[in-house]
């Protein structure tokens, strides 16, 4: 969508094509979002490494790691999956 906008497609055309509002097209095209980004509660790279190491070398479960780092289990699963790649 951004490429089409930059190539000259109208906001109205893009809104219709993607089924979103013109206002959404404007926000997306200009890099503005009304969704707040969580930055204060992000895990540091060191914490991520510790999670991967702890999971690999101890019997700590994903649920226990999630509780100790105050994150959802899906976050732990994602960190472990990313570490495997």
N, C-alpha and C. Protein backbone atom coordinates (compact mmCIF):
# COMPACT_ATOMS: atom_id res chain seq x y z
N UNK A 1 0.82 -1.18 0.00
CA UNK A 1 0.00 0.00 0.00
C UNK A 1 0.87 1.25 0.00
N UNK A 2 1.92 1.25 0.78
CA UNK A 2 2.79 2.42 0.85
C UNK A 2 3.42 2.69 -0.51
N UNK A 3 3.85 1.64 -1.18
CA UNK A 3 4.45 1.81 -2.51
C UNK A 3 3.45 2.41 -3.48
N UNK A 4 2.20 1.95 -3.42
CA UNK A 4 1.16 2.49 -4.30
C UNK A 4 0.90 3.96 -3.97
N UNK A 5 0.88 4.28 -2.68
CA UNK A 5 0.68 5.68 -2.27
C UNK A 5 1.82 6.55 -2.80
N UNK A 6 3.05 6.07 -2.63
CA UNK A 6 4.21 6.83 -3.09
C UNK A 6 4.25 6.95 -4.61
N UNK A 7 3.64 5.99 -5.30
CA UNK A 7 3.59 6.03 -6.76
C UNK A 7 2.48 6.94 -7.27
N UNK A 8 1.65 7.46 -6.35
CA UNK A 8 0.64 8.42 -6.77
C UNK A 8 -0.80 7.97 -6.64
N UNK A 9 -1.04 6.79 -6.12
CA UNK A 9 -2.42 6.34 -5.94
C UNK A 9 -3.12 7.26 -4.94
N UNK A 10 -4.38 7.54 -5.18
CA UNK A 10 -5.12 8.43 -4.29
C UNK A 10 -5.46 7.72 -2.98
N UNK A 11 -5.61 8.52 -1.95
CA UNK A 11 -5.99 7.97 -0.65
C UNK A 11 -7.35 7.30 -0.74
N UNK A 12 -8.27 7.88 -1.49
CA UNK A 12 -9.60 7.31 -1.66
C UNK A 12 -9.52 5.94 -2.32
N UNK A 13 -8.71 5.84 -3.37
CA UNK A 13 -8.54 4.57 -4.09
C UNK A 13 -7.98 3.50 -3.15
N UNK A 14 -6.96 3.84 -2.40
CA UNK A 14 -6.33 2.88 -1.50
C UNK A 14 -7.28 2.46 -0.38
N UNK A 15 -8.04 3.42 0.13
CA UNK A 15 -9.01 3.11 1.19
C UNK A 15 -10.05 2.12 0.69
N UNK A 16 -10.53 2.33 -0.51
CA UNK A 16 -11.52 1.43 -1.09
C UNK A 16 -10.91 0.06 -1.37
N UNK A 17 -9.72 0.05 -1.94
CA UNK A 17 -9.05 -1.21 -2.29
C UNK A 17 -8.79 -2.09 -1.07
N UNK A 18 -8.35 -1.47 0.03
CA UNK A 18 -7.99 -2.24 1.22
C UNK A 18 -9.08 -2.29 2.28
N UNK A 19 -10.21 -1.66 2.01
CA UNK A 19 -11.33 -1.71 2.94
C UNK A 19 -11.07 -1.00 4.25
N UNK A 20 -10.33 0.10 4.19
CA UNK A 20 -10.04 0.89 5.39
C UNK A 20 -10.45 2.33 5.15
N UNK A 21 -10.42 3.12 6.19
CA UNK A 21 -10.81 4.52 6.05
C UNK A 21 -9.69 5.35 5.43
N UNK A 22 -10.06 6.49 4.88
CA UNK A 22 -9.06 7.40 4.32
C UNK A 22 -8.11 7.85 5.44
N UNK A 23 -8.66 8.05 6.61
CA UNK A 23 -7.83 8.46 7.76
C UNK A 23 -6.76 7.40 8.06
N UNK A 24 -7.14 6.12 7.97
CA UNK A 24 -6.17 5.04 8.19
C UNK A 24 -5.09 5.05 7.11
N UNK A 25 -5.48 5.32 5.88
CA UNK A 25 -4.50 5.41 4.80
C UNK A 25 -3.51 6.52 5.11
N UNK A 26 -4.01 7.67 5.54
CA UNK A 26 -3.13 8.80 5.87
C UNK A 26 -2.16 8.42 6.98
N UNK A 27 -2.68 7.79 8.04
CA UNK A 27 -1.81 7.41 9.17
C UNK A 27 -0.75 6.41 8.73
N UNK A 28 -1.15 5.42 7.96
CA UNK A 28 -0.20 4.41 7.52
C UNK A 28 0.84 4.99 6.56
N UNK A 29 0.39 5.83 5.65
CA UNK A 29 1.29 6.40 4.65
C UNK A 29 2.31 7.35 5.26
N UNK A 30 1.93 8.00 6.33
CA UNK A 30 2.82 8.97 6.95
C UNK A 30 3.51 8.43 8.19
N UNK A 31 3.32 7.15 8.47
CA UNK A 31 4.01 6.52 9.58
C UNK A 31 3.46 6.85 10.95
N UNK A 32 2.27 7.39 11.01
CA UNK A 32 1.67 7.71 12.30
C UNK A 32 0.69 6.60 12.68
N UNK A 33 0.64 6.30 13.94
CA UNK A 33 -0.28 5.28 14.41
C UNK A 33 -0.90 5.75 15.70
N UNK A 34 -2.15 5.41 15.89
CA UNK A 34 -2.80 5.77 17.14
C UNK A 34 -2.66 4.66 18.18
N UNK A 35 -1.92 3.62 17.83
CA UNK A 35 -1.70 2.52 18.77
C UNK A 35 -0.44 2.80 19.58
N UNK A 36 -0.58 2.84 20.88
CA UNK A 36 0.62 3.09 21.70
C UNK A 36 1.57 1.90 21.63
N UNK A 37 2.84 2.18 21.61
CA UNK A 37 3.84 1.14 21.58
C UNK A 37 4.38 0.92 22.98
N UNK A 38 4.32 -0.31 23.43
CA UNK A 38 4.82 -0.63 24.77
C UNK A 38 6.34 -0.66 24.71
N UNK A 39 6.97 0.25 25.39
CA UNK A 39 8.42 0.28 25.41
C UNK A 39 8.97 0.06 26.81
N UNK A 40 8.25 0.46 27.82
CA UNK A 40 8.74 0.36 29.19
C UNK A 40 8.83 -1.08 29.66
N UNK A 41 7.99 -1.95 29.10
CA UNK A 41 7.94 -3.32 29.61
C UNK A 41 8.61 -4.33 28.67
N UNK A 42 9.46 -3.87 27.79
CA UNK A 42 10.13 -4.79 26.87
C UNK A 42 11.27 -5.50 27.58
N UNK A 43 11.48 -6.75 27.16
CA UNK A 43 12.59 -7.51 27.71
C UNK A 43 13.89 -7.06 27.04
N UNK A 44 14.94 -6.97 27.82
CA UNK A 44 16.24 -6.57 27.28
C UNK A 44 16.87 -7.76 26.56
N UNK A 45 17.85 -7.51 25.72
CA UNK A 45 18.55 -8.63 25.07
C UNK A 45 19.17 -9.58 26.10
N UNK A 46 19.69 -9.06 27.19
CA UNK A 46 20.26 -9.92 28.24
C UNK A 46 19.19 -10.82 28.85
N UNK A 47 18.01 -10.26 29.08
CA UNK A 47 16.92 -11.06 29.64
C UNK A 47 16.52 -12.16 28.67
N UNK A 48 16.48 -11.84 27.40
CA UNK A 48 16.13 -12.83 26.38
C UNK A 48 17.14 -13.98 26.36
N UNK A 49 18.43 -13.62 26.42
CA UNK A 49 19.47 -14.64 26.45
C UNK A 49 19.35 -15.52 27.69
N UNK A 50 19.05 -14.89 28.82
CA UNK A 50 18.89 -15.64 30.06
C UNK A 50 17.71 -16.59 29.97
N UNK A 51 16.63 -16.16 29.38
CA UNK A 51 15.45 -17.01 29.21
C UNK A 51 15.82 -18.24 28.38
N UNK A 52 16.50 -18.03 27.26
CA UNK A 52 16.88 -19.14 26.38
C UNK A 52 17.82 -20.08 27.12
N UNK A 53 18.82 -19.53 27.82
CA UNK A 53 19.78 -20.36 28.54
C UNK A 53 19.10 -21.14 29.67
N UNK A 54 18.26 -20.47 30.43
CA UNK A 54 17.57 -21.11 31.54
C UNK A 54 16.69 -22.25 31.05
N UNK A 55 15.96 -22.00 29.99
CA UNK A 55 15.07 -23.03 29.45
C UNK A 55 15.86 -24.24 28.94
N UNK A 56 17.01 -23.96 28.32
CA UNK A 56 17.80 -25.04 27.73
C UNK A 56 18.56 -25.86 28.76
N UNK A 57 18.91 -25.25 29.89
CA UNK A 57 19.81 -25.93 30.83
C UNK A 57 19.17 -26.35 32.14
N UNK A 58 17.96 -25.90 32.38
CA UNK A 58 17.29 -26.29 33.63
C UNK A 58 15.94 -26.90 33.29
N UNK A 59 15.24 -27.31 34.28
CA UNK A 59 13.92 -27.88 34.07
C UNK A 59 12.81 -26.85 34.16
N UNK A 60 13.17 -25.59 34.07
CA UNK A 60 12.18 -24.52 34.18
C UNK A 60 11.23 -24.57 32.99
N UNK A 61 9.95 -24.52 33.27
CA UNK A 61 8.95 -24.57 32.20
C UNK A 61 8.75 -23.19 31.59
N UNK A 62 8.12 -23.17 30.44
CA UNK A 62 7.79 -21.90 29.79
C UNK A 62 6.86 -21.07 30.67
N UNK A 63 5.92 -21.73 31.31
CA UNK A 63 4.98 -21.03 32.19
C UNK A 63 5.70 -20.40 33.38
N UNK A 64 6.66 -21.11 33.95
CA UNK A 64 7.42 -20.56 35.07
C UNK A 64 8.26 -19.37 34.64
N UNK A 65 8.87 -19.45 33.46
CA UNK A 65 9.63 -18.31 32.94
C UNK A 65 8.73 -17.11 32.72
N UNK A 66 7.56 -17.37 32.17
CA UNK A 66 6.61 -16.28 31.92
C UNK A 66 6.23 -15.58 33.22
N UNK A 67 5.98 -16.37 34.25
CA UNK A 67 5.64 -15.77 35.55
C UNK A 67 6.79 -14.97 36.12
N UNK A 68 7.99 -15.50 36.03
CA UNK A 68 9.13 -14.80 36.63
C UNK A 68 9.50 -13.52 35.89
N UNK A 69 9.20 -13.44 34.59
CA UNK A 69 9.49 -12.23 33.81
C UNK A 69 8.26 -11.36 33.60
N UNK A 70 7.15 -11.78 34.18
CA UNK A 70 5.91 -11.02 34.09
C UNK A 70 5.47 -10.77 32.64
N UNK A 71 5.55 -11.84 31.83
CA UNK A 71 5.10 -11.77 30.45
C UNK A 71 4.18 -12.95 30.18
N UNK A 72 3.54 -12.95 29.04
CA UNK A 72 2.66 -14.04 28.65
C UNK A 72 3.50 -15.21 28.15
N UNK A 73 2.96 -16.40 28.27
CA UNK A 73 3.66 -17.60 27.79
C UNK A 73 3.97 -17.48 26.29
N UNK A 74 3.10 -16.82 25.55
CA UNK A 74 3.34 -16.67 24.11
C UNK A 74 4.62 -15.87 23.85
N UNK A 75 4.96 -14.95 24.73
CA UNK A 75 6.20 -14.19 24.59
C UNK A 75 7.40 -15.10 24.77
N UNK A 76 7.34 -15.98 25.77
CA UNK A 76 8.42 -16.93 26.00
C UNK A 76 8.55 -17.87 24.81
N UNK A 77 7.43 -18.36 24.29
CA UNK A 77 7.45 -19.25 23.13
C UNK A 77 8.11 -18.57 21.94
N UNK A 78 7.77 -17.30 21.71
CA UNK A 78 8.34 -16.55 20.59
C UNK A 78 9.85 -16.37 20.75
N UNK A 79 10.30 -16.03 21.97
CA UNK A 79 11.73 -15.84 22.23
C UNK A 79 12.48 -17.14 21.96
N UNK A 80 11.94 -18.26 22.43
CA UNK A 80 12.59 -19.55 22.22
C UNK A 80 12.59 -19.94 20.75
N UNK A 81 11.50 -19.67 20.05
CA UNK A 81 11.42 -19.98 18.62
C UNK A 81 12.43 -19.14 17.83
N UNK A 82 12.54 -17.84 18.18
CA UNK A 82 13.49 -16.97 17.49
C UNK A 82 14.93 -17.39 17.75
N UNK A 83 15.18 -17.93 18.93
CA UNK A 83 16.54 -18.36 19.28
C UNK A 83 16.95 -19.59 18.48
N UNK A 84 15.99 -20.39 18.06
CA UNK A 84 16.29 -21.60 17.29
C UNK A 84 16.63 -21.28 15.84
N UNK A 85 16.24 -20.12 15.36
CA UNK A 85 16.47 -19.80 13.95
C UNK A 85 17.76 -19.05 13.74
